[in-house]
C-alpha atoms as a PDB file:
ATOM      1  CA  MET A   1     -38.571 -41.340 -52.568  1.00  0.00           C
ATOM      2  CA  VAL A   2     -35.790 -41.359 -55.228  1.00  0.00           C
ATOM      3  CA  GLU A   3     -36.451 -37.661 -56.313  1.00  0.00           C
ATOM      4  CA  ALA A   4     -36.238 -36.658 -52.615  1.00  0.00           C
ATOM      5  CA  ALA A   5     -32.849 -38.390 -52.231  1.00  0.00           C
ATOM      6  CA  ARG A   6     -31.646 -37.186 -55.456  1.00  0.00           C
ATOM      7  CA  ALA A   7     -32.363 -33.503 -54.747  1.00  0.00           C
ATOM      8  CA  ALA A   8     -30.269 -33.875 -51.375  1.00  0.00           C
ATOM      9  CA  GLY A   9     -27.493 -34.925 -53.708  1.00  0.00           C
ATOM     10  CA  LEU A  10     -27.483 -38.545 -52.967  1.00  0.00           C
ATOM     11  CA  ALA A  11     -26.954 -41.385 -55.457  1.00  0.00           C
ATOM     12  CA  THR A  12     -29.794 -42.944 -56.965  1.00  0.00           C
ATOM     13  CA  PRO A  13     -30.484 -45.208 -60.069  1.00  0.00           C
ATOM     14  CA  THR A  14     -31.168 -43.679 -63.215  1.00  0.00           C
ATOM     15  CA  GLY A  15     -34.992 -44.544 -63.970  1.00  0.00           C
ATOM     16  CA  ARG A  16     -38.290 -43.692 -64.499  1.00  0.00           C
ATOM     17  CA  ALA A  17     -41.985 -45.011 -64.064  1.00  0.00           C
ATOM     18  CA  PHE A  18     -44.271 -45.744 -66.934  1.00  0.00           C
ATOM     19  CA  ASP A  19     -47.836 -46.413 -67.667  1.00  0.00           C
ATOM     20  CA  THR A  20     -47.374 -48.029 -71.023  1.00  0.00           C
ATOM     21  CA  VAL A  21     -45.224 -50.574 -72.574  1.00  0.00           C
ATOM     22  CA  ALA A  22     -44.411 -48.272 -75.422  1.00  0.00           C
ATOM     23  CA  ALA A  23     -43.384 -45.401 -73.455  1.00  0.00           C
ATOM     24  CA  ALA A  24     -41.148 -47.504 -71.085  1.00  0.00           C
ATOM     25  CA  THR A  25     -39.330 -49.181 -74.169  1.00  0.00           C
ATOM     26  CA  ALA A  26     -38.986 -45.866 -75.962  1.00  0.00           C
ATOM     27  CA  TRP A  27     -37.350 -44.279 -73.019  1.00  0.00           C
ATOM     28  CA  TYR A  28     -35.101 -47.158 -72.209  1.00  0.00           C
ATOM     29  CA  ALA A  29     -33.789 -47.213 -75.771  1.00  0.00           C
ATOM     30  CA  ALA A  30     -33.150 -43.595 -75.905  1.00  0.00           C
ATOM     31  CA  ALA A  31     -31.969 -42.732 -72.244  1.00  0.00           C
ATOM     32  CA  LEU A  32     -30.582 -46.227 -70.882  1.00  0.00           C
ATOM     33  CA  GLY A  33     -29.768 -49.141 -72.993  1.00  0.00           C
ATOM     34  CA  GLY A  34     -27.858 -51.812 -71.429  1.00  0.00           C
ATOM     35  CA  PRO A  35     -28.433 -53.954 -68.166  1.00  0.00           C
ATOM     36  CA  ALA A  36     -32.014 -52.823 -66.750  1.00  0.00           C
ATOM     37  CA  VAL A  37     -34.174 -53.733 -63.709  1.00  0.00           C
ATOM     38  CA  VAL A  38     -38.010 -53.924 -64.476  1.00  0.00           C
ATOM     39  CA  LYS A  39     -40.343 -54.057 -61.600  1.00  0.00           C
ATOM     40  CA  PRO A  40     -43.611 -52.773 -60.076  1.00  0.00           C
ATOM     41  CA  VAL A  41     -43.492 -49.471 -58.352  1.00  0.00           C
ATOM     42  CA  ASP A  42     -45.264 -50.696 -55.131  1.00  0.00           C
ATOM     43  CA  SER A  43     -44.687 -54.290 -54.258  1.00  0.00           C
ATOM     44  CA  ALA A  44     -42.586 -56.497 -52.040  1.00  0.00           C
ATOM     45  CA  GLY A  45     -40.228 -59.591 -51.888  1.00  0.00           C
ATOM     46  CA  THR A  46     -38.868 -59.413 -55.319  1.00  0.00           C
ATOM     47  CA  ASP A  47     -42.301 -59.871 -56.909  1.00  0.00           C
ATOM     48  CA  THR A  48     -42.022 -59.513 -60.689  1.00  0.00           C
ATOM     49  CA  VAL A  49     -38.621 -58.119 -60.604  1.00  0.00           C
ATOM     50  CA  ARG A  50     -36.906 -58.921 -63.988  1.00  0.00           C
ATOM     51  CA  PHE A  51     -33.232 -58.428 -65.013  1.00  0.00           C
ATOM     52  CA  CYS A  52     -33.128 -57.391 -68.629  1.00  0.00           C
ATOM     53  CA  ARG A  53     -30.362 -57.205 -71.128  1.00  0.00           C
ATOM     54  CA  ASP A  54     -31.908 -55.211 -74.226  1.00  0.00           C
ATOM     55  CA  VAL A  55     -34.942 -53.791 -75.311  1.00  0.00           C
ATOM     56  CA  ASP A  56     -36.754 -56.897 -76.403  1.00  0.00           C
ATOM     57  CA  GLU A  57     -36.369 -58.148 -72.653  1.00  0.00           C
ATOM     58  CA  VAL A  58     -37.513 -55.100 -71.123  1.00  0.00           C
ATOM     59  CA  ARG A  59     -40.517 -54.883 -73.662  1.00  0.00           C
ATOM     60  CA  ALA A  60     -41.531 -58.371 -72.216  1.00  0.00           C
ATOM     61  CA  ALA A  61     -40.931 -57.529 -68.662  1.00  0.00           C
ATOM     62  CA  CYS A  62     -42.899 -54.395 -68.678  1.00  0.00           C
ATOM     63  CA  ALA A  63     -45.859 -56.156 -70.488  1.00  0.00           C
ATOM     64  CA  GLU A  64     -45.773 -58.862 -67.879  1.00  0.00           C
ATOM     65  CA  VAL A  65     -45.880 -56.201 -64.998  1.00  0.00           C
ATOM     66  CA  LEU A  66     -48.449 -54.216 -66.423  1.00  0.00           C
ATOM     67  CA  ALA A  67     -50.653 -57.422 -66.999  1.00  0.00           C
ATOM     68  CA  ALA A  68     -50.253 -58.690 -63.261  1.00  0.00           C
ATOM     69  CA  ARG A  69     -51.209 -57.778 -59.818  1.00  0.00           C
ATOM     70  CA  ASN A  70     -48.913 -57.070 -57.168  1.00  0.00           C
ATOM     71  CA  LEU A  71     -48.148 -59.012 -53.952  1.00  0.00           C
ATOM     72  CA  TYR A  72     -50.921 -56.990 -52.343  1.00  0.00           C
ATOM     73  CA  ARG A  73     -53.417 -58.295 -55.228  1.00  0.00           C
ATOM     74  CA  VAL A  74     -53.549 -54.615 -56.597  1.00  0.00           C
ATOM     75  CA  PRO A  75     -53.325 -54.171 -60.473  1.00  0.00           C
ATOM     76  CA  ASN A  76     -49.991 -52.782 -61.412  1.00  0.00           C
ATOM     77  CA  ARG A  77     -50.965 -49.418 -63.067  1.00  0.00           C
ATOM     78  CA  ARG A  78     -47.125 -48.278 -63.546  1.00  0.00           C
ATOM     79  CA  VAL A  79     -43.969 -50.230 -64.184  1.00  0.00           C
ATOM     80  CA  LEU A  80     -40.462 -48.998 -62.997  1.00  0.00           C
ATOM     81  CA  VAL A  81     -37.424 -49.247 -65.330  1.00  0.00           C
ATOM     82  CA  GLN A  82     -34.090 -48.596 -63.991  1.00  0.00           C
ATOM     83  CA  GLU A  83     -30.555 -49.237 -64.612  1.00  0.00           C
ATOM     84  CA  ARG A  84     -29.134 -52.382 -62.972  1.00  0.00           C
ATOM     85  CA  LEU A  85     -26.670 -51.707 -60.230  1.00  0.00           C
ATOM     86  CA  VAL A  86     -23.587 -53.683 -59.889  1.00  0.00           C
ATOM     87  CA  GLY A  87     -22.038 -54.158 -56.520  1.00  0.00           C
ATOM     88  CA  THR A  88     -22.802 -55.574 -52.958  1.00  0.00           C
ATOM     89  CA  GLU A  89     -26.196 -55.020 -51.560  1.00  0.00           C
ATOM     90  CA  PHE A  90     -26.610 -54.198 -48.061  1.00  0.00           C
ATOM     91  CA  TYR A  91     -29.550 -53.366 -45.755  1.00  0.00           C
ATOM     92  CA  VAL A  92     -29.739 -51.260 -42.687  1.00  0.00           C
ATOM     93  CA  ASN A  93     -32.531 -51.355 -40.096  1.00  0.00           C
ATOM     94  CA  SER A  94     -32.759 -48.167 -37.988  1.00  0.00           C
ATOM     95  CA  VAL A  95     -34.864 -46.515 -35.436  1.00  0.00           C
ATOM     96  CA  SER A  96     -35.539 -42.576 -35.383  1.00  0.00           C
ATOM     97  CA  ARG A  97     -36.738 -40.249 -32.826  1.00  0.00           C
ATOM     98  CA  ASP A  98     -37.470 -36.447 -33.466  1.00  0.00           C
ATOM     99  CA  GLY A  99     -34.928 -36.570 -36.238  1.00  0.00           C
ATOM    100  CA  THR A 100     -32.227 -38.631 -34.115  1.00  0.00           C
ATOM    101  CA  HIS A 101     -31.218 -41.871 -36.005  1.00  0.00           C
ATOM    102  CA  ARG A 102     -29.633 -44.831 -34.431  1.00  0.00           C
ATOM    103  CA  VAL A 103     -28.576 -47.920 -36.492  1.00  0.00           C
ATOM    104  CA  ALA A 104     -29.658 -51.319 -35.115  1.00  0.00           C
ATOM    105  CA  GLU A 105     -28.592 -53.769 -37.686  1.00  0.00           C
ATOM    106  CA  VAL A 106     -26.394 -53.800 -40.832  1.00  0.00           C
ATOM    107  CA  TRP A 107     -26.700 -56.841 -43.213  1.00  0.00           C
ATOM    108  CA  ARG A 108     -24.964 -57.832 -46.544  1.00  0.00           C
ATOM    109  CA  TYR A 109     -27.219 -59.597 -48.875  1.00  0.00           C
ATOM    110  CA  THR A 110     -26.086 -62.496 -51.014  1.00  0.00           C
ATOM    111  CA  LYS A 111     -28.701 -63.407 -53.795  1.00  0.00           C
ATOM    112  CA  ARG A 112     -28.736 -65.561 -56.848  1.00  0.00           C
ATOM    113  CA  PRO A 113     -30.657 -65.837 -59.965  1.00  0.00           C
ATOM    114  CA  GLY A 114     -33.994 -67.581 -59.874  1.00  0.00           C
ATOM    115  CA  PRO A 115     -35.800 -69.698 -62.351  1.00  0.00           C
ATOM    116  CA  ALA A 116     -38.292 -67.068 -63.153  1.00  0.00           C
ATOM    117  CA  GLY A 117     -35.674 -64.477 -64.104  1.00  0.00           C
ATOM    118  CA  ALA A 118     -35.961 -62.498 -60.775  1.00  0.00           C
ATOM    119  CA  PRO A 119     -33.162 -62.507 -57.739  1.00  0.00           C
ATOM    120  CA  ILE A 120     -34.084 -64.933 -55.067  1.00  0.00           C
ATOM    121  CA  TYR A 121     -32.592 -64.524 -51.529  1.00  0.00           C
ATOM    122  CA  ASP A 122     -29.692 -66.833 -50.642  1.00  0.00           C
ATOM    123  CA  TYR A 123     -28.298 -65.795 -47.455  1.00  0.00           C
ATOM    124  CA  GLU A 124     -27.467 -62.668 -45.562  1.00  0.00           C
ATOM    125  CA  GLU A 125     -24.562 -61.855 -43.002  1.00  0.00           C
ATOM    126  CA  PRO A 126     -24.159 -59.048 -40.377  1.00  0.00           C
ATOM    127  CA  VAL A 127     -21.810 -56.318 -40.419  1.00  0.00           C
ATOM    128  CA  GLU A 128     -20.676 -54.278 -37.476  1.00  0.00           C
ATOM    129  CA  PRO A 129     -22.218 -50.926 -37.596  1.00  0.00           C
ATOM    130  CA  GLY A 130     -19.388 -49.071 -36.273  1.00  0.00           C
ATOM    131  CA  SER A 131     -16.836 -50.906 -38.533  1.00  0.00           C
ATOM    132  CA  ALA A 132     -14.993 -49.293 -41.260  1.00  0.00           C
ATOM    133  CA  SER A 133     -16.612 -51.512 -43.887  1.00  0.00           C
ATOM    134  CA  ALA A 134     -20.036 -50.209 -42.808  1.00  0.00           C
ATOM    135  CA  ALA A 135     -19.208 -46.429 -42.419  1.00  0.00           C
ATOM    136  CA  PRO A 136     -20.020 -45.395 -45.990  1.00  0.00           C
ATOM    137  CA  ILE A 137     -23.205 -47.505 -45.733  1.00  0.00           C
ATOM    138  CA  ARG A 138     -24.222 -45.834 -42.385  1.00  0.00           C
ATOM    139  CA  ASP A 139     -23.331 -42.567 -43.472  1.00  0.00           C
ATOM    140  CA  PHE A 140     -25.317 -42.271 -46.774  1.00  0.00           C
ATOM    141  CA  VAL A 141     -28.542 -44.270 -44.880  1.00  0.00           C
ATOM    142  CA  LEU A 142     -28.653 -41.588 -42.505  1.00  0.00           C
ATOM    143  CA  ALA A 143     -28.611 -38.925 -45.012  1.00  0.00           C
ATOM    144  CA  VAL A 144     -31.296 -40.822 -46.784  1.00  0.00           C
ATOM    145  CA  LEU A 145     -33.443 -40.966 -43.786  1.00  0.00           C
ATOM    146  CA  ASP A 146     -33.087 -37.028 -43.429  1.00  0.00           C
ATOM    147  CA  ALA A 147     -33.756 -36.402 -47.165  1.00  0.00           C
ATOM    148  CA  VAL A 148     -37.027 -38.332 -47.176  1.00  0.00           C
ATOM    149  CA  GLY A 149     -38.220 -37.280 -43.989  1.00  0.00           C
ATOM    150  CA  VAL A 150     -38.002 -40.114 -41.650  1.00  0.00           C
ATOM    151  CA  ARG A 151     -37.982 -38.671 -37.989  1.00  0.00           C
ATOM    152  CA  SER A 152     -39.772 -40.716 -35.645  1.00  0.00           C
ATOM    153  CA  SER A 153     -40.133 -44.147 -36.891  1.00  0.00           C
ATOM    154  CA  ALA A 154     -38.134 -47.512 -37.852  1.00  0.00           C
ATOM    155  CA  ALA A 155     -36.800 -47.797 -41.354  1.00  0.00           C
ATOM    156  CA  HIS A 156     -35.499 -50.413 -43.559  1.00  0.00           C
ATOM    157  CA  THR A 157     -33.051 -49.129 -46.247  1.00  0.00           C
ATOM    158  CA  GLU A 158     -31.581 -51.133 -49.005  1.00  0.00           C
ATOM    159  CA  VAL A 159     -28.185 -49.911 -50.452  1.00  0.00           C
ATOM    160  CA  MET A 160     -25.992 -51.300 -53.292  1.00  0.00           C
ATOM    161  CA  LEU A 161     -22.293 -50.279 -52.669  1.00  0.00           C
ATOM    162  CA  THR A 162     -20.960 -49.722 -56.367  1.00  0.00           C
ATOM    163  CA  ASP A 163     -17.755 -48.409 -57.714  1.00  0.00           C
ATOM    164  CA  ARG A 164     -19.228 -45.032 -57.680  1.00  0.00           C
ATOM    165  CA  GLY A 165     -20.068 -45.444 -53.761  1.00  0.00           C
ATOM    166  CA  PRO A 166     -23.599 -46.232 -52.244  1.00  0.00           C
ATOM    167  CA  VAL A 167     -26.523 -45.929 -54.227  1.00  0.00           C
ATOM    168  CA  LEU A 168     -30.292 -46.029 -52.847  1.00  0.00           C
ATOM    169  CA  ILE A 169     -32.358 -48.986 -53.822  1.00  0.00           C
ATOM    170  CA  GLU A 170     -35.316 -48.101 -51.442  1.00  0.00           C
ATOM    171  CA  THR A 171     -36.049 -47.113 -48.187  1.00  0.00           C
ATOM    172  CA  GLY A 172     -39.411 -47.659 -46.027  1.00  0.00           C
ATOM    173  CA  ALA A 173     -40.721 -46.327 -42.844  1.00  0.00           C
ATOM    174  CA  ARG A 174     -41.122 -49.718 -41.432  1.00  0.00           C
ATOM    175  CA  LEU A 175     -39.615 -52.494 -39.592  1.00  0.00           C
ATOM    176  CA  GLY A 176     -37.369 -54.809 -41.486  1.00  0.00           C
ATOM    177  CA  GLY A 177     -39.242 -58.355 -42.336  1.00  0.00           C
ATOM    178  CA  ALA A 178     -38.030 -61.851 -42.640  1.00  0.00           C
ATOM    179  CA  THR A 179     -36.175 -61.904 -38.891  1.00  0.00           C
ATOM    180  CA  LEU A 180     -36.591 -63.388 -35.728  1.00  0.00           C
ATOM    181  CA  PRO A 181     -35.728 -60.306 -33.476  1.00  0.00           C
ATOM    182  CA  ASP A 182     -35.318 -62.533 -30.302  1.00  0.00           C
ATOM    183  CA  VAL A 183     -32.427 -64.411 -32.042  1.00  0.00           C
ATOM    184  CA  VAL A 184     -30.850 -61.364 -33.350  1.00  0.00           C
ATOM    185  CA  ALA A 185     -30.844 -59.795 -29.996  1.00  0.00           C
ATOM    186  CA  LYS A 186     -29.420 -62.904 -28.356  1.00  0.00           C
ATOM    187  CA  LEU A 187     -26.577 -62.732 -30.911  1.00  0.00           C
ATOM    188  CA  SER A 188     -25.923 -59.099 -30.936  1.00  0.00           C
ATOM    189  CA  GLY A 189     -27.482 -57.497 -27.747  1.00  0.00           C
ATOM    190  CA  VAL A 190     -30.016 -55.601 -29.778  1.00  0.00           C
ATOM    191  CA  SER A 191     -32.475 -55.722 -32.657  1.00  0.00           C
ATOM    192  CA  GLN A 192     -34.454 -53.217 -34.384  1.00  0.00           C
ATOM    193  CA  THR A 193     -37.625 -54.515 -32.820  1.00  0.00           C
ATOM    194  CA  SER A 194     -36.089 -54.138 -29.247  1.00  0.00           C
ATOM    195  CA  LEU A 195     -34.460 -50.776 -30.184  1.00  0.00           C
ATOM    196  CA  GLN A 196     -37.976 -49.677 -31.642  1.00  0.00           C
ATOM    197  CA  VAL A 197     -39.433 -50.593 -28.102  1.00  0.00           C
ATOM    198  CA  GLN A 198     -36.769 -48.777 -26.312  1.00  0.00           C
ATOM    199  CA  CYS A 199     -37.462 -45.449 -28.509  1.00  0.00           C
ATOM    200  CA  LEU A 200     -41.040 -45.467 -27.368  1.00  0.00           C
ATOM    201  CA  VAL A 201     -40.814 -46.487 -23.371  1.00  0.00           C
ATOM    202  CA  ASP A 202     -37.285 -45.106 -22.600  1.00  0.00           C
ATOM    203  CA  PRO A 203     -36.450 -42.184 -24.956  1.00  0.00           C
ATOM    204  CA  VAL A 204     -33.439 -41.266 -22.545  1.00  0.00           C
ATOM    205  CA  GLY A 205     -31.815 -44.748 -22.845  1.00  0.00           C
ATOM    206  CA  PHE A 206     -32.507 -44.685 -26.808  1.00  0.00           C
ATOM    207  CA  ALA A 207     -30.694 -41.245 -26.997  1.00  0.00           C
ATOM    208  CA  GLY A 208     -27.771 -42.872 -25.151  1.00  0.00           C
ATOM    209  CA  PHE A 209     -27.682 -45.997 -27.052  1.00  0.00           C
ATOM    210  CA  ASP A 210     -24.149 -46.484 -28.742  1.00  0.00           C
ATOM    211  CA  ASP A 211     -24.911 -47.909 -32.210  1.00  0.00           C
ATOM    212  CA  ARG A 212     -21.063 -48.013 -33.156  1.00  0.00           C
ATOM    213  CA  ALA A 213     -20.021 -50.482 -30.278  1.00  0.00           C
ATOM    214  CA  PRO A 214     -19.098 -54.110 -31.374  1.00  0.00           C
ATOM    215  CA  ARG A 215     -22.053 -56.457 -30.776  1.00  0.00           C
ATOM    216  CA  TRP A 216     -21.962 -59.543 -32.558  1.00  0.00           C
ATOM    217  CA  SER A 217     -20.816 -62.774 -30.566  1.00  0.00           C
ATOM    218  CA  ALA A 218     -20.464 -65.178 -33.393  1.00  0.00           C
ATOM    219  CA  SER A 219     -20.402 -65.787 -37.064  1.00  0.00           C
ATOM    220  CA  VAL A 220     -23.929 -65.572 -38.158  1.00  0.00           C
ATOM    221  CA  ARG A 221     -25.633 -66.392 -41.500  1.00  0.00           C
ATOM    222  CA  ASN A 222     -29.675 -65.887 -41.906  1.00  0.00           C
ATOM    223  CA  VAL A 223     -30.093 -68.383 -44.866  1.00  0.00           C
ATOM    224  CA  SER A 224     -33.373 -68.400 -47.079  1.00  0.00           C
ATOM    225  CA  LEU A 225     -34.649 -71.882 -47.911  1.00  0.00           C
ATOM    226  CA  ILE A 226     -34.705 -72.616 -51.355  1.00  0.00           C
ATOM    227  CA  ASN A 227     -36.886 -75.302 -52.974  1.00  0.00           C
ATOM    228  CA  PRO A 228     -35.483 -76.148 -56.294  1.00  0.00           C
ATOM    229  CA  THR A 229     -38.730 -77.913 -57.801  1.00  0.00           C
ATOM    230  CA  ARG A 230     -42.213 -77.926 -57.049  1.00  0.00           C
ATOM    231  CA  VAL A 231     -42.968 -80.690 -54.328  1.00  0.00           C
ATOM    232  CA  ALA A 232     -46.461 -82.501 -54.640  1.00  0.00           C
ATOM    233  CA  ALA A 233     -46.260 -83.900 -51.221  1.00  0.00           C
ATOM    234  CA  GLN A 234     -43.912 -82.520 -48.557  1.00  0.00           C
ATOM    235  CA  ALA A 235     -41.831 -84.912 -46.380  1.00  0.00           C
ATOM    236  CA  PRO A 236     -42.875 -85.223 -42.851  1.00  0.00           C
ATOM    237  CA  HIS A 237     -39.733 -84.063 -40.930  1.00  0.00           C
ATOM    238  CA  TRP A 238     -37.737 -81.667 -43.049  1.00  0.00           C
ATOM    239  CA  CYS A 239     -37.982 -79.057 -40.447  1.00  0.00           C
ATOM    240  CA  GLU A 240     -36.570 -81.253 -37.721  1.00  0.00           C
ATOM    241  CA  ARG A 241     -33.544 -82.141 -40.212  1.00  0.00           C
ATOM    242  CA  LEU A 242     -32.703 -78.411 -40.306  1.00  0.00           C
ATOM    243  CA  ARG A 243     -33.012 -77.714 -36.502  1.00  0.00           C
ATOM    244  CA  ASP A 244     -30.569 -80.535 -35.994  1.00  0.00           C
ATOM    245  CA  LEU A 245     -27.759 -79.055 -37.779  1.00  0.00           C
ATOM    246  CA  PRO A 246     -24.864 -78.368 -35.431  1.00  0.00           C
ATOM    247  CA  THR A 247     -24.836 -74.451 -36.111  1.00  0.00           C
ATOM    248  CA  ALA A 248     -28.564 -74.226 -36.289  1.00  0.00           C
ATOM    249  CA  VAL A 249     -29.973 -71.427 -33.788  1.00  0.00           C
ATOM    250  CA  ALA A 250     -33.336 -71.144 -35.159  1.00  0.00           C
ATOM    251  CA  VAL A 251     -35.615 -72.004 -37.945  1.00  0.00           C
ATOM    252  CA  ALA A 252     -38.579 -69.890 -39.264  1.00  0.00           C
ATOM    253  CA  ALA A 253     -40.579 -72.557 -41.395  1.00  0.00           C
ATOM    254  CA  HIS A 254     -43.531 -74.606 -40.928  1.00  0.00           C
ATOM    255  CA  GLY A 255     -43.776 -77.884 -42.849  1.00  0.00           C
ATOM    256  CA  VAL A 256     -47.022 -79.522 -43.736  1.00  0.00           C
ATOM    257  CA  PRO A 257     -46.628 -83.133 -44.264  1.00  0.00           C
ATOM    258  CA  GLY A 258     -48.178 -84.248 -47.554  1.00  0.00           C
ATOM    259  CA  ALA A 259     -49.150 -80.585 -48.770  1.00  0.00           C
ATOM    260  CA  ALA A 260     -47.628 -79.270 -51.843  1.00  0.00           C
ATOM    261  CA  LEU A 261     -44.837 -76.828 -51.911  1.00  0.00           C
ATOM    262  CA  PRO A 262     -44.097 -74.575 -54.934  1.00  0.00           C
ATOM    263  CA  GLN A 263     -40.732 -73.818 -56.346  1.00  0.00           C
ATOM    264  CA  THR A 264     -38.990 -71.045 -55.100  1.00  0.00           C
ATOM    265  CA  VAL A 265     -38.977 -68.223 -57.498  1.00  0.00           C
ATOM    266  CA  ASP A 266     -39.013 -65.052 -55.039  1.00  0.00           C
ATOM    267  CA  LEU A 267     -39.056 -64.359 -51.336  1.00  0.00           C
ATOM    268  CA  ILE A 268     -42.629 -65.335 -50.948  1.00  0.00           C
ATOM    269  CA  SER A 269     -42.273 -68.626 -52.188  1.00  0.00           C
ATOM    270  CA  ALA A 270     -39.365 -69.627 -50.210  1.00  0.00           C
ATOM    271  CA  PRO A 271     -40.307 -72.256 -47.605  1.00  0.00           C
ATOM    272  CA  GLY A 272     -38.741 -70.169 -44.876  1.00  0.00           C
ATOM    273  CA  PHE A 273     -35.138 -69.339 -43.355  1.00  0.00           C
ATOM    274  CA  ARG A 274     -32.935 -70.144 -40.807  1.00  0.00           C
ATOM    275  CA  TYR A 275     -30.238 -68.641 -38.566  1.00  0.00           C
ATOM    276  CA  LEU A 276     -26.892 -70.520 -38.439  1.00  0.00           C
ATOM    277  CA  ALA A 277     -24.263 -69.337 -36.036  1.00  0.00           C
ATOM    278  CA  ALA A 278     -20.946 -70.397 -34.441  1.00  0.00           C
ATOM    279  CA  GLU A 279     -17.540 -68.983 -33.175  1.00  0.00           C
ATOM    280  CA  ASP A 280     -15.876 -70.332 -36.261  1.00  0.00           C
ATOM    281  CA  PRO A 281     -17.176 -69.184 -39.705  1.00  0.00           C
ATOM    282  CA  ALA A 282     -16.018 -72.396 -41.427  1.00  0.00           C
ATOM    283  CA  GLU A 283     -18.608 -74.426 -39.247  1.00  0.00           C
ATOM    284  CA  VAL A 284     -21.480 -71.940 -40.555  1.00  0.00           C
ATOM    285  CA  ALA A 285     -20.305 -72.294 -44.189  1.00  0.00           C
ATOM    286  CA  ARG A 286     -20.156 -76.198 -43.904  1.00  0.00           C
ATOM    287  CA  ASP A 287     -23.860 -76.422 -42.452  1.00  0.00           C
ATOM    288  CA  TYR A 288     -24.899 -73.959 -45.272  1.00  0.00           C
ATOM    289  CA  ARG A 289     -23.501 -76.263 -47.885  1.00  0.00           C
ATOM    290  CA  THR A 290     -25.138 -79.141 -46.114  1.00  0.00           C
ATOM    291  CA  VAL A 291     -28.669 -77.506 -46.280  1.00  0.00           C
ATOM    292  CA  ARG A 292     -28.086 -76.652 -50.157  1.00  0.00           C
ATOM    293  CA  ARG A 293     -26.936 -80.233 -50.773  1.00  0.00           C
ATOM    294  CA  TRP A 294     -30.028 -81.564 -49.033  1.00  0.00           C
ATOM    295  CA  GLU A 295     -32.313 -79.337 -51.093  1.00  0.00           C
ATOM    296  CA  ARG A 296     -30.898 -80.382 -54.325  1.00  0.00           C
ATOM    297  CA  ASP A 297     -31.314 -84.314 -53.173  1.00  0.00           C
ATOM    298  CA  GLY A 298     -35.117 -83.664 -52.277  1.00  0.00           C
ATOM    299  CA  LEU A 299     -35.070 -82.411 -48.580  1.00  0.00           C
ATOM    300  CA  TYR A 300     -38.646 -81.085 -48.966  1.00  0.00           C
ATOM    301  CA  GLY A 301     -40.424 -84.242 -50.667  1.00  0.00           C
ATOM    302  CA  ARG A 302     -38.928 -87.099 -49.119  1.00  0.00           C
END
């Protein structure tokens, strides 16, 4: 993926994949140095992603990755070492048919450092695909899709907007995950899933879809749930408390009263997510802060 994008003249992180700790640390010391990201070459959900500052941290992170299985329970045979990108992270959900691309959704990520050293998801907010702020991201992603050969498929592409412009994190020929398509469609008129369906059953309508038109009817946040400490027995009604928030649109979570709940260290260990929406962004921000306060005060274990 990276080689195909780089060959097309698109910006990618400096990095290489290795099958030994010694080779990875030697390359890092000679070619990179400074802040780095160490991660498996084929996993998901920030599984074993580690931010490193020096060769000792890179060595430890590479050893951890190569000794582990990935999210799909397959042993990690290689480890990826890359420069750490600094900027604002976005993802773009698109649909393509015969090389014609349409952007369904653009979202801006906000993440925070997790207790295990990996970034954990905090919240994401939509960006109008036709807006000036989305333009460099949009143009870059469409070029990436062409470069890697996505012609007739949904795609989920992650990009860091840095001081030197957009830089590719990754792209995959798939639908984006951790979303509620019906909620997205209700708030914006379309979701990647509904656009994929239109692409399959109504190609003429898909070709005429204006993916630059304004669409979001409210201020929206898709907020990841974060459990700060392991819970031995879940409280019986924490999901209902989240649904009762004034700006709550939907909650994708399933509490099991009395069951254990792990500490959130990555996307997979998050208890779920929920959408907040209102005309006034201050109301959304207020309810977001309320949820984080509840979590700190023991929301999941009361």
